[in-house]
Amino acid sequence: PGRGVEGRGDDWNSNGTVCAAEVFDWNAVRADQRTFDLVLACDVLYEAHAVAPVSALIPKLTNGAPRGRWMLADPPDRAPKNRAAFLERVKSDHGMELVRETRETVTRAGSTDDVLVLDLRLR
């Protein structure tokens, strides 16, 4: 079962922006699942068996090119082989390309961590 939230920013009248979020089981995506221009995913490639189901979400969750975009945040040193396998798979299976990779340092609740942010787009 998923939870969702949808809201409109203060600038709704000026640019028509709608923000929606959903939580769901990636192994049981509904056939009528809505699609998005932007999908945010954080720390989802920690185990090798997660690569295939996360990759399979791209056509289920993402609007088509050129709007379809994923931003994936991942600990840079935790599972580099899984991240590489994911990037290879999304390119070959879905035509999604890595357009930018940045490393950020984030401090929260007294802990400082590096985060790799991948910006992927459907072509």
Foldseek 3Di string as FASTA:
>chain_A
DKDKDKDDDPCCVPPVDIDMDMDDDLVDQDPPDEADLEAEEEAQQLDLVSLVSVLVCQVVHADAPPSGKYKYKHQPPRCVVSVVVNQVCNCVPQVKHFPDWDWDWDDDPRDIGIIIITIIGHD
